Amino acid sequence: MYGGTLASQSTARHPVSALTRTLWRLQGLGIVLALYVFMADSLRVVHHGLEATTTVLPHAFNWPVFGVAFALMAAPVAEAVWRMRPRRPDFPEKTGSLAAG
């Protein structure tokens, strides 16, 4: 929900760039990867029929792959937060030199 809120609020102020499009594609890849991590055990037994698929229990959770998937899913949110950060004001360059005196 947070990512969708940021996306809807930030596009008015910041035009969509190639980086933004790439990050949204990476987020899609992360969603597919996370879905695979949760379904991997069921996908291994799907050829045995519905009964085997509904009764399968996971052996272990693949945390490293899920961590990558989570990072990919969070990429557009991180980029939106980065764009919304307060900017430091540009300081004008000092005129004159202390050494030239």
Foldseek 3Di string as FASTA:
>chain_A
DLLVVLVVVCCVVPPDDPVLVVLVVLLVVLVVQLVCQVCVQLVVCVVVDDVCSVPDDDPDGPVVSNVSSVCSNCRNVVVSVVVPDDDDDDDDDDPDDPVPD
